[in-house]
C-alpha atoms as a PDB file:
ATOM      1  CA  MET A   1      -1.440  38.290   8.032  1.00  0.00           C
ATOM      2  CA  LYS A   2      -1.936  36.141  11.021  1.00  0.00           C
ATOM      3  CA  ILE A   3       0.081  32.832  11.390  1.00  0.00           C
ATOM      4  CA  PHE A   4      -1.354  29.740  12.896  1.00  0.00           C
ATOM      5  CA  VAL A   5       0.491  26.450  13.735  1.00  0.00           C
ATOM      6  CA  ILE A   6      -1.613  23.311  14.052  1.00  0.00           C
ATOM      7  CA  ASN A   7      -0.739  21.404  17.185  1.00  0.00           C
ATOM      8  CA  LEU A   8      -2.374  18.678  19.220  1.00  0.00           C
ATOM      9  CA  LYS A   9      -2.812  19.675  22.869  1.00  0.00           C
ATOM     10  CA  ARG A  10      -1.073  16.417  23.948  1.00  0.00           C
ATOM     11  CA  SER A  11       1.975  17.187  21.818  1.00  0.00           C
ATOM     12  CA  ALA A  12       4.081  19.350  24.069  1.00  0.00           C
ATOM     13  CA  ASP A  13       7.367  18.349  22.438  1.00  0.00           C
ATOM     14  CA  ARG A  14       6.148  19.478  18.987  1.00  0.00           C
ATOM     15  CA  ARG A  15       4.985  22.732  20.552  1.00  0.00           C
ATOM     16  CA  GLU A  16       8.380  23.378  22.048  1.00  0.00           C
ATOM     17  CA  TYR A  17      10.119  22.432  18.818  1.00  0.00           C
ATOM     18  CA  VAL A  18       8.103  24.811  16.703  1.00  0.00           C
ATOM     19  CA  SER A  19       8.282  27.634  19.273  1.00  0.00           C
ATOM     20  CA  ASN A  20      12.043  27.535  19.017  1.00  0.00           C
ATOM     21  CA  LEU A  21      11.982  27.240  15.255  1.00  0.00           C
ATOM     22  CA  LEU A  22       9.741  30.267  14.799  1.00  0.00           C
ATOM     23  CA  LYS A  23      11.326  32.341  17.565  1.00  0.00           C
ATOM     24  CA  GLY A  24      10.953  36.052  16.659  1.00  0.00           C
ATOM     25  CA  ILE A  25       7.875  35.417  14.524  1.00  0.00           C
ATOM     26  CA  ASP A  26       4.432  36.321  15.853  1.00  0.00           C
ATOM     27  CA  PHE A  27       2.139  33.275  15.643  1.00  0.00           C
ATOM     28  CA  ASP A  28      -0.571  31.492  17.501  1.00  0.00           C
ATOM     29  CA  PHE A  29      -1.100  27.782  18.084  1.00  0.00           C
ATOM     30  CA  PHE A  30      -4.320  26.274  16.688  1.00  0.00           C
ATOM     31  CA  GLU A  31      -5.502  23.215  18.441  1.00  0.00           C
ATOM     32  CA  GLY A  32      -5.602  20.252  16.046  1.00  0.00           C
ATOM     33  CA  GLU A  33      -8.455  17.743  15.839  1.00  0.00           C
ATOM     34  CA  ASP A  34      -7.752  14.532  17.753  1.00  0.00           C
ATOM     35  CA  ILE A  35     -10.626  12.484  16.551  1.00  0.00           C
ATOM     36  CA  ALA A  36      -9.557   8.993  17.612  1.00  0.00           C
ATOM     37  CA  ASN A  37     -12.178   8.715  20.337  1.00  0.00           C
ATOM     38  CA  HIS A  38     -14.853  10.718  18.616  1.00  0.00           C
ATOM     39  CA  PRO A  39     -16.721   8.418  16.085  1.00  0.00           C
ATOM     40  CA  ASP A  40     -19.451  11.008  15.789  1.00  0.00           C
ATOM     41  CA  HIS A  41     -17.082  13.728  14.639  1.00  0.00           C
ATOM     42  CA  GLU A  42     -18.347  15.939  11.771  1.00  0.00           C
ATOM     43  CA  ILE A  43     -15.580  14.820   9.456  1.00  0.00           C
ATOM     44  CA  TYR A  44     -17.224  11.363   9.098  1.00  0.00           C
ATOM     45  CA  SER A  45     -20.263  12.875   7.604  1.00  0.00           C
ATOM     46  CA  LEU A  46     -18.242  14.613   4.950  1.00  0.00           C
ATOM     47  CA  TYR A  47     -15.947  11.650   4.149  1.00  0.00           C
ATOM     48  CA  ALA A  48     -16.826   8.985   1.477  1.00  0.00           C
ATOM     49  CA  PRO A  49     -14.693   5.926   2.392  1.00  0.00           C
ATOM     50  CA  SER A  50     -16.210   3.771  -0.340  1.00  0.00           C
ATOM     51  CA  LYS A  51     -14.831   6.228  -2.944  1.00  0.00           C
ATOM     52  CA  THR A  52     -11.326   6.146  -1.361  1.00  0.00           C
ATOM     53  CA  LEU A  53     -11.281   2.363  -1.504  1.00  0.00           C
ATOM     54  CA  LYS A  54     -12.588   2.330  -5.071  1.00  0.00           C
ATOM     55  CA  TYR A  55     -10.337   5.012  -6.492  1.00  0.00           C
ATOM     56  CA  LYS A  56      -7.283   4.906  -4.251  1.00  0.00           C
ATOM     57  CA  GLY A  57      -7.158   1.263  -3.064  1.00  0.00           C
ATOM     58  CA  TYR A  58      -7.253   2.040   0.628  1.00  0.00           C
ATOM     59  CA  THR A  59      -9.164   4.033   3.178  1.00  0.00           C
ATOM     60  CA  LEU A  60      -7.979   7.140   5.029  1.00  0.00           C
ATOM     61  CA  THR A  61      -6.624   6.572   8.556  1.00  0.00           C
ATOM     62  CA  THR A  62      -8.117   8.289  11.600  1.00  0.00           C
ATOM     63  CA  PRO A  63      -5.007  10.559  11.863  1.00  0.00           C
ATOM     64  CA  GLU A  64      -5.399  11.634   8.214  1.00  0.00           C
ATOM     65  CA  LEU A  65      -9.044  12.519   8.870  1.00  0.00           C
ATOM     66  CA  GLY A  66      -8.020  14.449  11.899  1.00  0.00           C
ATOM     67  CA  CYS A  67      -5.481  16.339   9.805  1.00  0.00           C
ATOM     68  CA  PHE A  68      -8.130  17.185   7.284  1.00  0.00           C
ATOM     69  CA  ALA A  69     -10.527  18.325  10.001  1.00  0.00           C
ATOM     70  CA  SER A  70      -7.830  20.615  11.462  1.00  0.00           C
ATOM     71  CA  GLN A  71      -7.391  22.276   8.023  1.00  0.00           C
ATOM     72  CA  ILE A  72     -11.192  22.670   7.722  1.00  0.00           C
ATOM     73  CA  ASN A  73     -11.290  24.454  11.053  1.00  0.00           C
ATOM     74  CA  LEU A  74      -8.635  26.882   9.877  1.00  0.00           C
ATOM     75  CA  TRP A  75     -10.369  27.597   6.597  1.00  0.00           C
ATOM     76  CA  ARG A  76     -13.452  28.391   8.555  1.00  0.00           C
ATOM     77  CA  HIS A  77     -11.464  30.673  10.861  1.00  0.00           C
ATOM     78  CA  CYS A  78      -9.969  32.356   7.836  1.00  0.00           C
ATOM     79  CA  VAL A  79     -13.436  33.088   6.492  1.00  0.00           C
ATOM     80  CA  LYS A  80     -14.614  34.227   9.895  1.00  0.00           C
ATOM     81  CA  ILE A  81     -11.886  36.810  10.419  1.00  0.00           C
ATOM     82  CA  ASN A  82     -12.041  37.724   6.692  1.00  0.00           C
ATOM     83  CA  GLU A  83      -8.336  38.038   6.102  1.00  0.00           C
ATOM     84  CA  PRO A  84      -5.497  35.959   4.688  1.00  0.00           C
ATOM     85  CA  ILE A  85      -3.727  33.612   7.105  1.00  0.00           C
ATOM     86  CA  LEU A  86      -0.586  31.523   6.998  1.00  0.00           C
ATOM     87  CA  ILE A  87      -1.201  27.886   8.075  1.00  0.00           C
ATOM     88  CA  CYS A  88       1.652  25.751   9.253  1.00  0.00           C
ATOM     89  CA  GLU A  89       1.929  22.275  10.680  1.00  0.00           C
ATOM     90  CA  ASP A  90       4.080  21.646  13.764  1.00  0.00           C
ATOM     91  CA  ASN A  91       6.574  19.407  11.977  1.00  0.00           C
ATOM     92  CA  ILE A  92       7.987  21.927   9.585  1.00  0.00           C
ATOM     93  CA  GLU A  93      11.577  22.785   8.735  1.00  0.00           C
ATOM     94  CA  LEU A  94      12.767  26.120   7.577  1.00  0.00           C
ATOM     95  CA  TYR A  95      14.963  26.284   4.476  1.00  0.00           C
ATOM     96  CA  GLY A  96      15.272  30.101   4.538  1.00  0.00           C
ATOM     97  CA  ASP A  97      14.393  33.154   6.527  1.00  0.00           C
ATOM     98  CA  LEU A  98      10.667  33.016   6.856  1.00  0.00           C
ATOM     99  CA  LYS A  99      10.391  36.298   8.743  1.00  0.00           C
ATOM    100  CA  THR A 100      11.947  38.331   5.910  1.00  0.00           C
ATOM    101  CA  GLN A 101       9.520  36.783   3.458  1.00  0.00           C
ATOM    102  CA  LEU A 102       6.299  37.508   5.373  1.00  0.00           C
ATOM    103  CA  ASP A 103       5.558  40.770   3.514  1.00  0.00           C
ATOM    104  CA  ASN A 104       6.114  39.045   0.193  1.00  0.00           C
ATOM    105  CA  ILE A 105       3.860  36.142   1.168  1.00  0.00           C
ATOM    106  CA  ASN A 106       1.095  38.480   2.213  1.00  0.00           C
ATOM    107  CA  THR A 107       1.391  40.345  -1.100  1.00  0.00           C
ATOM    108  CA  LEU A 108       1.448  37.173  -3.161  1.00  0.00           C
ATOM    109  CA  VAL A 109      -1.481  35.481  -1.444  1.00  0.00           C
ATOM    110  CA  SER A 110      -3.554  38.613  -1.813  1.00  0.00           C
ATOM    111  CA  GLN A 111      -3.073  38.453  -5.550  1.00  0.00           C
ATOM    112  CA  TYR A 112      -3.120  34.674  -6.177  1.00  0.00           C
ATOM    113  CA  GLY A 113      -5.387  33.286  -3.360  1.00  0.00           C
ATOM    114  CA  ILE A 114      -3.109  30.559  -2.147  1.00  0.00           C
ATOM    115  CA  VAL A 115       0.662  30.258  -1.963  1.00  0.00           C
ATOM    116  CA  LYS A 116       2.389  27.175  -0.709  1.00  0.00           C
ATOM    117  CA  LEU A 117       5.860  27.796   0.878  1.00  0.00           C
ATOM    118  CA  GLY A 118       7.175  24.500  -0.271  1.00  0.00           C
ATOM    119  CA  ASN A 119       6.218  21.119  -1.870  1.00  0.00           C
ATOM    120  CA  TYR A 120       6.890  17.545  -0.750  1.00  0.00           C
ATOM    121  CA  PHE A 121       7.872  16.486  -4.234  1.00  0.00           C
ATOM    122  CA  GLU A 122       9.939  18.470  -6.787  1.00  0.00           C
ATOM    123  CA  ARG A 123       7.890  18.578  -9.962  1.00  0.00           C
ATOM    124  CA  LYS A 124       8.057  20.299 -13.404  1.00  0.00           C
ATOM    125  CA  HIS A 125       6.601  23.758 -12.981  1.00  0.00           C
ATOM    126  CA  ILE A 126       5.769  26.915 -14.702  1.00  0.00           C
ATOM    127  CA  LYS A 127       7.748  29.836 -13.501  1.00  0.00           C
ATOM    128  CA  ILE A 128       5.531  32.895 -12.864  1.00  0.00           C
ATOM    129  CA  ALA A 129       8.193  35.414 -11.768  1.00  0.00           C
ATOM    130  CA  ASP A 130      11.147  35.949  -9.493  1.00  0.00           C
ATOM    131  CA  ILE A 131      10.284  36.920  -5.897  1.00  0.00           C
ATOM    132  CA  ASP A 132      13.773  37.937  -5.136  1.00  0.00           C
ATOM    133  CA  ASP A 133      17.381  36.738  -5.819  1.00  0.00           C
ATOM    134  CA  THR A 134      16.712  33.430  -4.059  1.00  0.00           C
ATOM    135  CA  TYR A 135      13.044  32.467  -4.689  1.00  0.00           C
ATOM    136  CA  SER A 136      10.670  32.294  -7.585  1.00  0.00           C
ATOM    137  CA  LEU A 137       6.867  31.930  -7.682  1.00  0.00           C
ATOM    138  CA  VAL A 138       5.897  28.731  -9.644  1.00  0.00           C
ATOM    139  CA  SER A 139       2.938  26.636 -10.448  1.00  0.00           C
ATOM    140  CA  CYS A 140       3.510  22.874 -10.704  1.00  0.00           C
ATOM    141  CA  VAL A 141       2.060  21.034 -13.703  1.00  0.00           C
ATOM    142  CA  LYS A 142       1.226  17.924 -11.588  1.00  0.00           C
ATOM    143  CA  SER A 143       0.510  17.183  -7.927  1.00  0.00           C
ATOM    144  CA  ALA A 144       3.520  17.974  -5.748  1.00  0.00           C
ATOM    145  CA  CYS A 145       1.774  17.294  -2.409  1.00  0.00           C
ATOM    146  CA  GLY A 146       2.597  18.759   0.925  1.00  0.00           C
ATOM    147  CA  ASN A 147       0.593  21.392   2.794  1.00  0.00           C
ATOM    148  CA  SER A 148       3.013  21.888   5.723  1.00  0.00           C
ATOM    149  CA  ALA A 149       2.947  25.670   5.215  1.00  0.00           C
ATOM    150  CA  TYR A 150       0.715  27.748   2.964  1.00  0.00           C
ATOM    151  CA  ALA A 151      -1.015  31.077   2.902  1.00  0.00           C
ATOM    152  CA  ILE A 152      -4.706  31.302   1.918  1.00  0.00           C
ATOM    153  CA  THR A 153      -7.355  34.009   1.542  1.00  0.00           C
ATOM    154  CA  PRO A 154     -10.939  33.834   2.831  1.00  0.00           C
ATOM    155  CA  GLU A 155     -12.183  33.520  -0.735  1.00  0.00           C
ATOM    156  CA  VAL A 156     -10.159  30.388  -1.493  1.00  0.00           C
ATOM    157  CA  ALA A 157     -10.855  29.009   1.933  1.00  0.00           C
ATOM    158  CA  ASN A 158     -14.639  29.416   1.351  1.00  0.00           C
ATOM    159  CA  ASN A 159     -14.208  27.789  -2.080  1.00  0.00           C
ATOM    160  CA  TYR A 160     -12.614  24.711  -0.441  1.00  0.00           C
ATOM    161  CA  LEU A 161     -15.243  24.540   2.165  1.00  0.00           C
ATOM    162  CA  SER A 162     -17.951  24.471  -0.504  1.00  0.00           C
ATOM    163  CA  LYS A 163     -16.463  21.399  -2.059  1.00  0.00           C
ATOM    164  CA  LEU A 164     -15.939  19.149   1.008  1.00  0.00           C
ATOM    165  CA  GLN A 165     -19.092  16.940   0.889  1.00  0.00           C
ATOM    166  CA  GLY A 166     -18.113  13.495  -0.345  1.00  0.00           C
ATOM    167  CA  PHE A 167     -14.331  14.114  -0.197  1.00  0.00           C
ATOM    168  CA  PHE A 168     -12.324  10.926  -0.390  1.00  0.00           C
ATOM    169  CA  GLU A 169      -8.606  11.860  -0.647  1.00  0.00           C
ATOM    170  CA  PRO A 170      -6.084  13.160   1.955  1.00  0.00           C
ATOM    171  CA  VAL A 171      -6.206  16.940   2.370  1.00  0.00           C
ATOM    172  CA  ASP A 172      -3.046  17.559   0.372  1.00  0.00           C
ATOM    173  CA  ASP A 173      -4.422  15.659  -2.662  1.00  0.00           C
ATOM    174  CA  PHE A 174      -7.750  17.563  -2.171  1.00  0.00           C
ATOM    175  CA  ILE A 175      -5.920  20.855  -2.464  1.00  0.00           C
ATOM    176  CA  ASP A 176      -3.688  19.624  -5.252  1.00  0.00           C
ATOM    177  CA  ASN A 177      -6.660  18.659  -7.463  1.00  0.00           C
ATOM    178  CA  GLU A 178      -6.770  22.130  -9.177  1.00  0.00           C
ATOM    179  CA  TRP A 179      -9.157  20.786 -11.848  1.00  0.00           C
ATOM    180  CA  SER A 180     -11.682  19.772  -9.085  1.00  0.00           C
ATOM    181  CA  THR A 181     -11.372  22.874  -6.827  1.00  0.00           C
ATOM    182  CA  GLU A 182     -10.892  25.231  -9.800  1.00  0.00           C
ATOM    183  CA  GLN A 183      -8.172  26.899  -7.800  1.00  0.00           C
ATOM    184  CA  THR A 184      -4.663  27.226  -9.227  1.00  0.00           C
ATOM    185  CA  LEU A 185      -1.864  26.593  -6.741  1.00  0.00           C
ATOM    186  CA  PHE A 186       1.209  28.719  -6.539  1.00  0.00           C
ATOM    187  CA  SER A 187       4.378  27.824  -4.648  1.00  0.00           C
ATOM    188  CA  TYR A 188       7.775  29.103  -3.507  1.00  0.00           C
ATOM    189  CA  TYR A 189      10.685  27.554  -5.388  1.00  0.00           C
ATOM    190  CA  PRO A 190      13.001  26.400  -3.987  1.00  0.00           C
ATOM    191  CA  ASN A 191      11.292  25.400  -0.734  1.00  0.00           C
ATOM    192  CA  LEU A 192      11.127  28.053   1.933  1.00  0.00           C
ATOM    193  CA  VAL A 193       9.297  25.840   4.401  1.00  0.00           C
ATOM    194  CA  ALA A 194       8.620  22.160   4.101  1.00  0.00           C
ATOM    195  CA  ARG A 195       7.921  19.066   6.205  1.00  0.00           C
ATOM    196  CA  SER A 196      10.809  18.021   8.431  1.00  0.00           C
ATOM    197  CA  ASN A 197      12.140  14.493   8.586  1.00  0.00           C
ATOM    198  CA  THR A 198      10.844  14.118  12.149  1.00  0.00           C
ATOM    199  CA  SER A 199       7.656  12.067  12.532  1.00  0.00           C
ATOM    200  CA  SER A 200       4.345  13.898  12.897  1.00  0.00           C
ATOM    201  CA  THR A 201       2.129  13.507  15.896  1.00  0.00           C
ATOM    202  CA  ILE A 202      -0.910  12.944  13.669  1.00  0.00           C
ATOM    203  CA  GLY A 203       0.258   9.299  13.329  1.00  0.00           C
ATOM    204  CA  ALA A 204       0.479   6.850  10.505  1.00  0.00           C
ATOM    205  CA  ARG A 205      -0.425   7.822   6.968  1.00  0.00           C
ATOM    206  CA  LYS A 206      -2.465   5.574   4.625  1.00  0.00           C
ATOM    207  CA  ILE A 207      -2.325   1.880   5.169  1.00  0.00           C
ATOM    208  CA  LYS A 208      -2.600  -0.213   1.995  1.00  0.00           C
ATOM    209  CA  GLY A 209      -3.843  -3.771   1.950  1.00  0.00           C
ATOM    210  CA  LYS A 210      -4.464  -6.306  -0.721  1.00  0.00           C
ATOM    211  CA  ILE A 211      -7.020  -5.226  -3.300  1.00  0.00           C
ATOM    212  CA  SER A 212      -8.896  -7.044  -6.108  1.00  0.00           C
ATOM    213  CA  LEU A 213      -8.047  -6.904  -9.819  1.00  0.00           C
ATOM    214  CA  ILE A 214     -11.163  -4.745 -10.409  1.00  0.00           C
ATOM    215  CA  ASN A 215     -10.106  -2.422  -7.692  1.00  0.00           C
ATOM    216  CA  LYS A 216      -6.616  -2.133  -9.149  1.00  0.00           C
ATOM    217  CA  LEU A 217      -8.110  -1.260 -12.517  1.00  0.00           C
ATOM    218  CA  ASN A 218     -10.321   1.467 -10.869  1.00  0.00           C
ATOM    219  CA  VAL A 219      -7.250   2.890  -9.090  1.00  0.00           C
ATOM    220  CA  GLU A 220      -5.293   2.976 -12.325  1.00  0.00           C
ATOM    221  CA  ALA A 221      -8.160   4.485 -14.230  1.00  0.00           C
ATOM    222  CA  TYR A 222      -8.664   7.261 -11.635  1.00  0.00           C
ATOM    223  CA  ARG A 223      -4.851   7.968 -11.718  1.00  0.00           C
ATOM    224  CA  LEU A 224      -5.089   8.429 -15.484  1.00  0.00           C
ATOM    225  CA  TYR A 225      -8.233  10.507 -15.134  1.00  0.00           C
ATOM    226  CA  ARG A 226      -6.503  12.822 -12.681  1.00  0.00           C
ATOM    227  CA  GLN A 227      -3.501  13.188 -15.134  1.00  0.00           C
ATOM    228  CA  ILE A 228      -5.852  14.091 -18.036  1.00  0.00           C
ATOM    229  CA  ARG A 229      -7.944  16.542 -16.063  1.00  0.00           C
ATOM    230  CA  GLN A 230      -4.881  18.239 -14.756  1.00  0.00           C
ATOM    231  CA  HIS A 231      -3.355  18.484 -18.241  1.00  0.00           C
ATOM    232  CA  ILE A 232      -6.510  20.092 -19.520  1.00  0.00           C
ATOM    233  CA  TYR A 233      -6.616  22.494 -16.519  1.00  0.00           C
ATOM    234  CA  ASN A 234      -2.964  23.505 -17.229  1.00  0.00           C
ATOM    235  CA  ILE A 235      -3.770  24.346 -20.820  1.00  0.00           C
ATOM    236  CA  GLN A 236      -6.844  26.332 -19.931  1.00  0.00           C
ATOM    237  CA  HIS A 237      -5.679  28.159 -16.823  1.00  0.00           C
ATOM    238  CA  LYS A 238      -1.933  28.381 -16.722  1.00  0.00           C
ATOM    239  CA  LYS A 239      -1.235  30.631 -19.743  1.00  0.00           C
ATOM    240  CA  ASN A 240      -0.448  34.323 -19.270  1.00  0.00           C
ATOM    241  CA  ILE A 241      -0.680  34.232 -15.501  1.00  0.00           C
ATOM    242  CA  PRO A 242       0.170  37.843 -14.391  1.00  0.00           C
ATOM    243  CA  ALA A 243       3.425  38.519 -12.672  1.00  0.00           C
ATOM    244  CA  PRO A 244       3.189  39.455  -8.959  1.00  0.00           C
ATOM    245  CA  ARG A 245       3.070  43.071  -7.924  1.00  0.00           C
ATOM    246  CA  LEU A 246       5.779  42.979  -5.237  1.00  0.00           C
END
């Protein structure tokens, strides 16, 4: 399983940081998409800003779109080489020994399609099985966000690529919408890898402004819609999930 770390060419400090962090682990840097000065970038033809404003109450920032574009490039690369890969951002923090878990991660992703090594929020979850004495494999019952480190197969990467047209949410929300992608997410618990407290070089996250009453109602309606769809998905797809073959 190849490991790729997304890094902007101009971000030498982050490159040095993650090189020291992952010392002893074989990985490659994957150049991130810096789209600030590229208004004709492909990502804009896929993105539906009017939907973001209607259903989220804001529009995605250029750095968020660049982050999404970088993930898309790696999904395509995963499909191209036709083997599972581990994708990491360059502002991660290790909470355990990643190197000793690589064989387990490779086995788990081959069985489940996608395995996140940590989540941004701690959520109620369904325990699938113990991985070892420290970690369990779980599936959260609601969006936990965070895609700082996850393993993915070509099949799942191709599925995500097929659903990009008209996307309107950040990439972590896109992935977390299991009911929309029809792909169940599995995660390490507790976190093996997660976002560090240091700022990311992709820049600012969403910027919210004043919105109308109608817009607020749309945002709340979509939030409720997501909850209902996720609840239905959990009932239909998260019963009797087979234990991993470690």
